[in-house]
N, C-alpha and C. Protein backbone atom coordinates (compact mmCIF):
# COMPACT_ATOMS: atom_id res chain seq x y z
N MET A 1 -19.99 19.41 12.22
CA MET A 1 -20.86 18.52 12.95
C MET A 1 -20.76 18.92 14.43
N ASP A 2 -21.91 19.13 15.04
CA ASP A 2 -21.90 19.49 16.46
C ASP A 2 -22.44 18.32 17.30
N ASP A 3 -22.57 18.55 18.60
CA ASP A 3 -23.01 17.48 19.50
C ASP A 3 -24.41 16.96 19.15
N ILE A 4 -25.30 17.84 18.72
CA ILE A 4 -26.65 17.39 18.36
C ILE A 4 -26.60 16.49 17.13
N ASP A 5 -25.79 16.85 16.14
CA ASP A 5 -25.63 16.00 14.95
C ASP A 5 -25.10 14.62 15.36
N ARG A 6 -24.13 14.59 16.25
CA ARG A 6 -23.59 13.31 16.73
C ARG A 6 -24.67 12.49 17.43
N GLN A 7 -25.48 13.15 18.26
CA GLN A 7 -26.56 12.45 18.95
C GLN A 7 -27.57 11.88 17.95
N ILE A 8 -27.87 12.66 16.92
CA ILE A 8 -28.81 12.20 15.88
C ILE A 8 -28.27 10.92 15.23
N ILE A 9 -27.02 10.97 14.79
CA ILE A 9 -26.42 9.81 14.11
C ILE A 9 -26.37 8.61 15.04
N ASN A 10 -25.91 8.83 16.28
CA ASN A 10 -25.81 7.71 17.22
C ASN A 10 -27.18 7.11 17.51
N ARG A 11 -28.20 7.94 17.70
CA ARG A 11 -29.54 7.45 18.04
C ARG A 11 -30.19 6.72 16.87
N LEU A 12 -30.10 7.30 15.68
CA LEU A 12 -30.85 6.75 14.55
C LEU A 12 -30.18 5.53 13.92
N GLN A 13 -28.93 5.24 14.25
CA GLN A 13 -28.32 3.99 13.79
C GLN A 13 -29.00 2.78 14.39
N GLY A 14 -29.61 2.96 15.54
CA GLY A 14 -30.25 1.85 16.24
C GLY A 14 -31.67 1.60 15.81
N GLY A 15 -32.19 2.37 14.89
CA GLY A 15 -33.55 2.18 14.43
C GLY A 15 -34.30 3.50 14.37
N PHE A 16 -35.39 3.48 13.68
CA PHE A 16 -36.22 4.66 13.49
C PHE A 16 -37.64 4.29 13.94
N PRO A 17 -38.31 5.19 14.62
CA PRO A 17 -39.65 4.86 15.11
C PRO A 17 -40.60 4.47 13.98
N ILE A 18 -41.41 3.48 14.25
CA ILE A 18 -42.45 3.07 13.31
C ILE A 18 -43.77 3.56 13.91
N CYS A 19 -44.23 4.69 13.41
CA CYS A 19 -45.45 5.29 13.93
C CYS A 19 -45.95 6.32 12.92
N GLU A 20 -47.01 7.00 13.26
CA GLU A 20 -47.60 7.97 12.33
C GLU A 20 -46.68 9.17 12.10
N HIS A 21 -45.93 9.58 13.10
CA HIS A 21 -45.03 10.74 13.00
C HIS A 21 -43.63 10.37 13.50
N PRO A 22 -42.90 9.57 12.73
CA PRO A 22 -41.61 9.07 13.21
C PRO A 22 -40.57 10.16 13.46
N TYR A 23 -40.53 11.18 12.61
CA TYR A 23 -39.55 12.25 12.81
C TYR A 23 -39.86 13.01 14.10
N ARG A 24 -41.12 13.24 14.36
CA ARG A 24 -41.52 13.94 15.58
C ARG A 24 -41.11 13.14 16.82
N GLU A 25 -41.35 11.82 16.78
CA GLU A 25 -41.00 10.97 17.92
C GLU A 25 -39.48 10.91 18.11
N ALA A 26 -38.74 10.74 17.02
CA ALA A 26 -37.28 10.70 17.13
C ALA A 26 -36.73 12.03 17.64
N ALA A 27 -37.29 13.12 17.14
CA ALA A 27 -36.84 14.44 17.58
C ALA A 27 -37.10 14.63 19.07
N ALA A 28 -38.26 14.19 19.53
CA ALA A 28 -38.60 14.33 20.96
C ALA A 28 -37.60 13.55 21.82
N GLU A 29 -37.22 12.37 21.37
CA GLU A 29 -36.22 11.58 22.11
C GLU A 29 -34.89 12.31 22.20
N LEU A 30 -34.60 13.12 21.18
CA LEU A 30 -33.33 13.86 21.13
C LEU A 30 -33.43 15.23 21.78
N GLY A 31 -34.64 15.64 22.16
CA GLY A 31 -34.83 16.95 22.80
C GLY A 31 -34.82 18.10 21.83
N ILE A 32 -35.18 17.84 20.56
CA ILE A 32 -35.27 18.90 19.55
C ILE A 32 -36.62 18.82 18.85
N ARG A 33 -36.89 19.79 18.00
CA ARG A 33 -38.16 19.80 17.26
C ARG A 33 -38.03 18.98 15.97
N GLU A 34 -39.16 18.49 15.49
CA GLU A 34 -39.20 17.69 14.27
C GLU A 34 -38.55 18.41 13.10
N GLU A 35 -38.86 19.70 12.92
CA GLU A 35 -38.32 20.47 11.80
C GLU A 35 -36.80 20.56 11.88
N GLU A 36 -36.27 20.68 13.10
CA GLU A 36 -34.82 20.76 13.26
C GLU A 36 -34.17 19.43 12.90
N LEU A 37 -34.77 18.32 13.31
CA LEU A 37 -34.23 17.02 12.96
C LEU A 37 -34.17 16.84 11.45
N ILE A 38 -35.26 17.15 10.78
CA ILE A 38 -35.30 17.01 9.31
C ILE A 38 -34.27 17.92 8.66
N ARG A 39 -34.17 19.17 9.13
CA ARG A 39 -33.19 20.12 8.57
C ARG A 39 -31.77 19.62 8.77
N ARG A 40 -31.47 19.13 9.97
CA ARG A 40 -30.12 18.63 10.26
C ARG A 40 -29.79 17.39 9.44
N LEU A 41 -30.73 16.47 9.29
CA LEU A 41 -30.49 15.29 8.47
C LEU A 41 -30.19 15.70 7.03
N GLN A 42 -30.96 16.64 6.50
CA GLN A 42 -30.73 17.09 5.12
C GLN A 42 -29.36 17.74 4.99
N LYS A 43 -28.95 18.53 5.97
CA LYS A 43 -27.63 19.16 5.92
C LYS A 43 -26.51 18.12 6.00
N LEU A 44 -26.67 17.12 6.85
CA LEU A 44 -25.67 16.04 6.92
C LEU A 44 -25.54 15.33 5.58
N LEU A 45 -26.66 15.12 4.90
CA LEU A 45 -26.63 14.50 3.57
C LEU A 45 -26.01 15.44 2.55
N ASP A 46 -26.43 16.71 2.55
CA ASP A 46 -25.91 17.69 1.59
C ASP A 46 -24.41 17.89 1.74
N ASP A 47 -23.93 17.86 2.99
CA ASP A 47 -22.50 18.08 3.26
C ASP A 47 -21.67 16.80 3.06
N GLY A 48 -22.33 15.68 2.78
CA GLY A 48 -21.61 14.42 2.56
C GLY A 48 -21.18 13.73 3.84
N LEU A 49 -21.64 14.21 4.99
CA LEU A 49 -21.30 13.54 6.25
C LEU A 49 -22.11 12.27 6.42
N LEU A 50 -23.29 12.23 5.81
CA LEU A 50 -24.07 11.00 5.66
C LEU A 50 -24.19 10.74 4.17
N SER A 51 -23.99 9.50 3.77
CA SER A 51 -24.15 9.17 2.35
C SER A 51 -25.57 8.73 2.05
N ARG A 52 -26.29 8.32 3.07
CA ARG A 52 -27.64 7.79 2.87
C ARG A 52 -28.39 7.84 4.18
N PHE A 53 -29.68 8.13 4.09
CA PHE A 53 -30.56 8.03 5.26
C PHE A 53 -31.85 7.38 4.78
N GLY A 54 -32.10 6.17 5.22
CA GLY A 54 -33.31 5.48 4.79
C GLY A 54 -33.30 4.06 5.32
N PRO A 55 -34.37 3.36 5.05
CA PRO A 55 -34.48 1.99 5.56
C PRO A 55 -33.56 1.03 4.82
N MET A 56 -33.21 -0.04 5.51
CA MET A 56 -32.46 -1.13 4.91
C MET A 56 -33.46 -2.27 4.71
N TYR A 57 -33.70 -2.65 3.47
CA TYR A 57 -34.65 -3.69 3.17
C TYR A 57 -33.93 -5.03 2.99
N HIS A 58 -34.57 -6.08 3.38
CA HIS A 58 -34.04 -7.42 3.17
C HIS A 58 -34.69 -7.92 1.88
N ALA A 59 -33.97 -7.77 0.76
CA ALA A 59 -34.53 -8.04 -0.57
C ALA A 59 -35.13 -9.43 -0.68
N GLU A 60 -34.46 -10.42 -0.13
CA GLU A 60 -34.95 -11.79 -0.26
C GLU A 60 -36.27 -12.00 0.48
N LYS A 61 -36.41 -11.39 1.65
CA LYS A 61 -37.66 -11.53 2.40
C LYS A 61 -38.82 -10.81 1.71
N LEU A 62 -38.49 -9.85 0.86
CA LEU A 62 -39.51 -9.13 0.10
C LEU A 62 -39.80 -9.81 -1.23
N GLY A 63 -39.14 -10.95 -1.48
CA GLY A 63 -39.36 -11.68 -2.73
C GLY A 63 -38.36 -11.35 -3.81
N GLY A 64 -37.34 -10.58 -3.49
CA GLY A 64 -36.36 -10.18 -4.48
C GLY A 64 -35.12 -11.06 -4.46
N GLY A 65 -34.13 -10.66 -5.24
CA GLY A 65 -32.87 -11.37 -5.31
C GLY A 65 -31.74 -10.50 -4.79
N LEU A 66 -30.71 -11.14 -4.28
CA LEU A 66 -29.57 -10.44 -3.71
C LEU A 66 -28.32 -11.26 -3.97
N SER A 67 -27.25 -10.62 -4.42
CA SER A 67 -26.01 -11.35 -4.66
C SER A 67 -24.82 -10.42 -4.58
N LEU A 68 -23.69 -10.98 -4.17
CA LEU A 68 -22.41 -10.28 -4.20
C LEU A 68 -21.75 -10.60 -5.53
N CYS A 69 -21.22 -9.59 -6.17
CA CYS A 69 -20.63 -9.76 -7.50
C CYS A 69 -19.24 -9.13 -7.54
N ALA A 70 -18.41 -9.64 -8.44
CA ALA A 70 -17.05 -9.11 -8.58
C ALA A 70 -16.66 -9.10 -10.05
N MET A 71 -15.73 -8.21 -10.37
CA MET A 71 -15.21 -8.11 -11.73
C MET A 71 -13.71 -7.83 -11.67
N ALA A 72 -13.00 -8.25 -12.70
CA ALA A 72 -11.58 -7.93 -12.86
C ALA A 72 -11.48 -6.85 -13.92
N ILE A 73 -11.14 -5.64 -13.48
CA ILE A 73 -11.14 -4.49 -14.38
C ILE A 73 -9.73 -3.91 -14.45
N PRO A 74 -9.19 -3.66 -15.66
CA PRO A 74 -7.89 -3.01 -15.76
C PRO A 74 -7.93 -1.64 -15.06
N GLU A 75 -6.87 -1.33 -14.35
CA GLU A 75 -6.81 -0.09 -13.56
C GLU A 75 -7.18 1.14 -14.37
N GLU A 76 -6.69 1.20 -15.61
CA GLU A 76 -6.93 2.39 -16.44
C GLU A 76 -8.40 2.53 -16.87
N ARG A 77 -9.18 1.48 -16.74
CA ARG A 77 -10.60 1.53 -17.12
C ARG A 77 -11.53 1.49 -15.90
N PHE A 78 -10.95 1.39 -14.70
CA PHE A 78 -11.75 1.16 -13.50
C PHE A 78 -12.84 2.22 -13.32
N ASP A 79 -12.50 3.49 -13.37
CA ASP A 79 -13.49 4.55 -13.13
C ASP A 79 -14.60 4.53 -14.18
N GLN A 80 -14.23 4.31 -15.42
CA GLN A 80 -15.22 4.26 -16.51
C GLN A 80 -16.18 3.09 -16.31
N VAL A 81 -15.64 1.92 -15.99
CA VAL A 81 -16.49 0.74 -15.80
C VAL A 81 -17.33 0.89 -14.54
N ALA A 82 -16.76 1.47 -13.49
CA ALA A 82 -17.53 1.70 -12.27
C ALA A 82 -18.74 2.59 -12.56
N GLU A 83 -18.55 3.59 -13.39
CA GLU A 83 -19.66 4.47 -13.77
C GLU A 83 -20.73 3.70 -14.54
N GLN A 84 -20.31 2.82 -15.44
CA GLN A 84 -21.26 2.00 -16.19
C GLN A 84 -22.03 1.07 -15.26
N VAL A 85 -21.32 0.41 -14.35
CA VAL A 85 -21.95 -0.53 -13.43
C VAL A 85 -22.90 0.21 -12.50
N ASN A 86 -22.46 1.35 -11.98
CA ASN A 86 -23.28 2.11 -11.04
C ASN A 86 -24.53 2.70 -11.68
N ALA A 87 -24.58 2.75 -13.00
CA ALA A 87 -25.76 3.27 -13.70
C ALA A 87 -26.95 2.32 -13.57
N PHE A 88 -26.70 1.08 -13.20
CA PHE A 88 -27.78 0.12 -13.01
C PHE A 88 -28.41 0.36 -11.64
N PRO A 89 -29.72 0.59 -11.61
CA PRO A 89 -30.37 0.89 -10.32
C PRO A 89 -30.31 -0.27 -9.33
N GLU A 90 -30.04 -1.46 -9.80
CA GLU A 90 -29.96 -2.64 -8.92
C GLU A 90 -28.62 -2.76 -8.21
N VAL A 91 -27.65 -1.91 -8.56
CA VAL A 91 -26.29 -2.01 -8.01
C VAL A 91 -26.15 -1.10 -6.79
N ALA A 92 -25.55 -1.66 -5.74
CA ALA A 92 -25.26 -0.89 -4.53
C ALA A 92 -23.88 -1.28 -4.01
N HIS A 93 -23.32 -0.46 -3.18
CA HIS A 93 -22.07 -0.76 -2.46
C HIS A 93 -20.93 -1.13 -3.40
N ASN A 94 -20.76 -0.43 -4.49
CA ASN A 94 -19.66 -0.71 -5.41
C ASN A 94 -18.37 -0.17 -4.81
N TYR A 95 -17.36 -1.02 -4.70
CA TYR A 95 -16.10 -0.58 -4.11
C TYR A 95 -14.92 -1.32 -4.71
N ALA A 96 -13.75 -0.71 -4.60
CA ALA A 96 -12.52 -1.27 -5.14
C ALA A 96 -11.84 -2.14 -4.09
N ARG A 97 -11.19 -3.20 -4.57
CA ARG A 97 -10.40 -4.09 -3.71
C ARG A 97 -9.04 -4.29 -4.34
N ASP A 98 -8.05 -4.49 -3.50
CA ASP A 98 -6.70 -4.77 -3.96
C ASP A 98 -6.57 -6.28 -4.20
N HIS A 99 -7.02 -6.72 -5.37
CA HIS A 99 -7.10 -8.13 -5.70
C HIS A 99 -7.29 -8.24 -7.20
N LYS A 100 -7.08 -9.41 -7.78
CA LYS A 100 -7.35 -9.60 -9.21
C LYS A 100 -8.79 -9.21 -9.51
N LEU A 101 -9.72 -9.68 -8.67
CA LEU A 101 -11.11 -9.23 -8.77
C LEU A 101 -11.18 -7.92 -7.97
N ASN A 102 -11.02 -6.81 -8.67
CA ASN A 102 -10.83 -5.54 -7.97
C ASN A 102 -12.09 -4.67 -7.87
N MET A 103 -13.18 -5.06 -8.48
CA MET A 103 -14.44 -4.32 -8.34
C MET A 103 -15.48 -5.27 -7.75
N TRP A 104 -16.05 -4.86 -6.62
CA TRP A 104 -17.06 -5.67 -5.94
C TRP A 104 -18.31 -4.83 -5.74
N PHE A 105 -19.47 -5.45 -5.91
CA PHE A 105 -20.72 -4.73 -5.67
C PHE A 105 -21.81 -5.71 -5.28
N VAL A 106 -22.83 -5.16 -4.66
CA VAL A 106 -24.01 -5.93 -4.28
C VAL A 106 -25.09 -5.64 -5.30
N LEU A 107 -25.75 -6.69 -5.73
CA LEU A 107 -26.84 -6.58 -6.69
C LEU A 107 -28.13 -6.96 -5.98
N ALA A 108 -29.12 -6.09 -5.98
CA ALA A 108 -30.42 -6.35 -5.36
C ALA A 108 -31.50 -6.13 -6.42
N THR A 109 -32.28 -7.17 -6.69
CA THR A 109 -33.27 -7.11 -7.76
C THR A 109 -34.67 -7.39 -7.22
N GLU A 110 -35.68 -7.03 -8.00
CA GLU A 110 -37.07 -7.23 -7.58
C GLU A 110 -37.46 -8.70 -7.52
N THR A 111 -36.82 -9.52 -8.36
CA THR A 111 -37.10 -10.95 -8.35
C THR A 111 -35.77 -11.71 -8.41
N PRO A 112 -35.71 -12.92 -7.89
CA PRO A 112 -34.46 -13.69 -7.98
C PRO A 112 -34.02 -13.93 -9.43
N GLU A 113 -34.97 -14.10 -10.32
CA GLU A 113 -34.64 -14.36 -11.73
C GLU A 113 -33.95 -13.16 -12.38
N ARG A 114 -34.21 -11.99 -11.89
CA ARG A 114 -33.65 -10.77 -12.48
C ARG A 114 -32.13 -10.67 -12.26
N ILE A 115 -31.60 -11.39 -11.27
CA ILE A 115 -30.15 -11.36 -11.02
C ILE A 115 -29.38 -11.71 -12.29
N ASP A 116 -29.68 -12.85 -12.89
CA ASP A 116 -28.95 -13.28 -14.09
C ASP A 116 -29.15 -12.32 -15.25
N GLU A 117 -30.34 -11.74 -15.36
CA GLU A 117 -30.61 -10.77 -16.43
C GLU A 117 -29.73 -9.53 -16.27
N VAL A 118 -29.65 -9.00 -15.05
CA VAL A 118 -28.84 -7.80 -14.82
C VAL A 118 -27.37 -8.10 -15.01
N LEU A 119 -26.91 -9.27 -14.56
CA LEU A 119 -25.51 -9.64 -14.76
C LEU A 119 -25.17 -9.66 -16.25
N ALA A 120 -26.05 -10.23 -17.05
CA ALA A 120 -25.83 -10.26 -18.51
C ALA A 120 -25.82 -8.84 -19.09
N GLU A 121 -26.69 -7.98 -18.57
CA GLU A 121 -26.74 -6.59 -19.05
C GLU A 121 -25.45 -5.85 -18.69
N ILE A 122 -24.94 -6.08 -17.50
CA ILE A 122 -23.69 -5.44 -17.09
C ILE A 122 -22.53 -5.94 -17.95
N GLU A 123 -22.48 -7.23 -18.19
CA GLU A 123 -21.42 -7.79 -19.05
C GLU A 123 -21.51 -7.20 -20.45
N ALA A 124 -22.72 -7.06 -20.98
CA ALA A 124 -22.89 -6.50 -22.33
C ALA A 124 -22.46 -5.03 -22.36
N ALA A 125 -22.79 -4.29 -21.32
CA ALA A 125 -22.48 -2.85 -21.28
C ALA A 125 -20.99 -2.60 -21.10
N THR A 126 -20.32 -3.44 -20.31
CA THR A 126 -18.91 -3.18 -19.97
C THR A 126 -17.92 -3.98 -20.80
N GLY A 127 -18.35 -5.14 -21.27
CA GLY A 127 -17.43 -6.03 -21.98
C GLY A 127 -16.59 -6.89 -21.05
N TYR A 128 -16.91 -6.88 -19.76
CA TYR A 128 -16.17 -7.67 -18.77
C TYR A 128 -17.08 -8.66 -18.08
N LYS A 129 -16.52 -9.82 -17.72
CA LYS A 129 -17.26 -10.86 -17.03
C LYS A 129 -17.58 -10.43 -15.60
N VAL A 130 -18.79 -10.78 -15.17
CA VAL A 130 -19.20 -10.55 -13.79
C VAL A 130 -19.25 -11.91 -13.10
N TYR A 131 -18.58 -12.02 -11.98
CA TYR A 131 -18.59 -13.24 -11.18
C TYR A 131 -19.69 -13.10 -10.13
N ASN A 132 -20.67 -13.99 -10.22
CA ASN A 132 -21.80 -13.97 -9.31
C ASN A 132 -21.51 -14.89 -8.13
N MET A 133 -21.62 -14.34 -6.93
CA MET A 133 -21.33 -15.11 -5.72
C MET A 133 -22.50 -15.03 -4.75
N PRO A 134 -23.57 -15.74 -5.06
CA PRO A 134 -24.75 -15.66 -4.19
C PRO A 134 -24.45 -16.22 -2.80
N LYS A 135 -25.14 -15.70 -1.85
CA LYS A 135 -24.95 -16.13 -0.47
C LYS A 135 -25.40 -17.57 -0.29
N GLN A 136 -24.62 -18.31 0.47
CA GLN A 136 -24.97 -19.69 0.79
C GLN A 136 -25.54 -19.80 2.19
N GLU A 137 -25.10 -18.90 3.06
CA GLU A 137 -25.58 -18.90 4.43
C GLU A 137 -25.54 -17.46 4.92
N GLU A 138 -26.51 -17.07 5.72
CA GLU A 138 -26.56 -15.70 6.21
C GLU A 138 -26.12 -15.61 7.67
N PHE A 139 -25.32 -14.58 7.93
CA PHE A 139 -24.88 -14.28 9.29
C PHE A 139 -25.24 -12.82 9.56
N TYR A 140 -25.72 -12.53 10.74
CA TYR A 140 -26.02 -11.15 11.10
C TYR A 140 -24.86 -10.58 11.91
N VAL A 141 -24.33 -9.48 11.44
CA VAL A 141 -23.28 -8.77 12.16
C VAL A 141 -23.77 -7.35 12.38
N GLY A 142 -24.08 -7.01 13.61
CA GLY A 142 -24.51 -5.65 13.91
C GLY A 142 -23.32 -4.70 13.81
N LEU A 143 -23.55 -3.53 13.25
CA LEU A 143 -22.48 -2.57 13.07
C LEU A 143 -22.97 -1.19 13.46
N ARG A 144 -22.26 -0.55 14.33
CA ARG A 144 -22.57 0.82 14.76
C ARG A 144 -21.29 1.62 14.74
N PHE A 145 -21.43 2.88 14.40
CA PHE A 145 -20.31 3.80 14.45
C PHE A 145 -20.67 4.90 15.44
N GLU A 146 -20.28 4.72 16.70
CA GLU A 146 -20.54 5.73 17.73
C GLU A 146 -19.68 6.96 17.46
N LEU A 147 -20.29 8.10 17.48
CA LEU A 147 -19.55 9.37 17.28
C LEU A 147 -19.47 10.12 18.59
């Protein structure tokens, strides 16, 4: 990662232009060409320095459902169950915790009703109970990682 890559990451964490040619506009702000920005973003993704580049949608505002979920999985089965859970396209941010409920993930669905359906499907696929913890109140916490 060089200084230009760092500038790209630092700049684009704050938002992406909404216009006809967003990559061109972002590249101009960075003093590079559109093609270079796209190439560098792809390389950062390919090299695993970025895990994702794309918009963050607010599922509930779009009419969908969103919930935090947890499971208690025996250590020896954790990787296998994580693979099963991650196979569901509605699952994001699956991570391990040092707790009885050691697998946590976010579930985002097209409709609020689909939450319970997917939870039942995950339970059927894995054989383990899913604890659904829907949000009761929303707080915004801005997060940036300056490089």
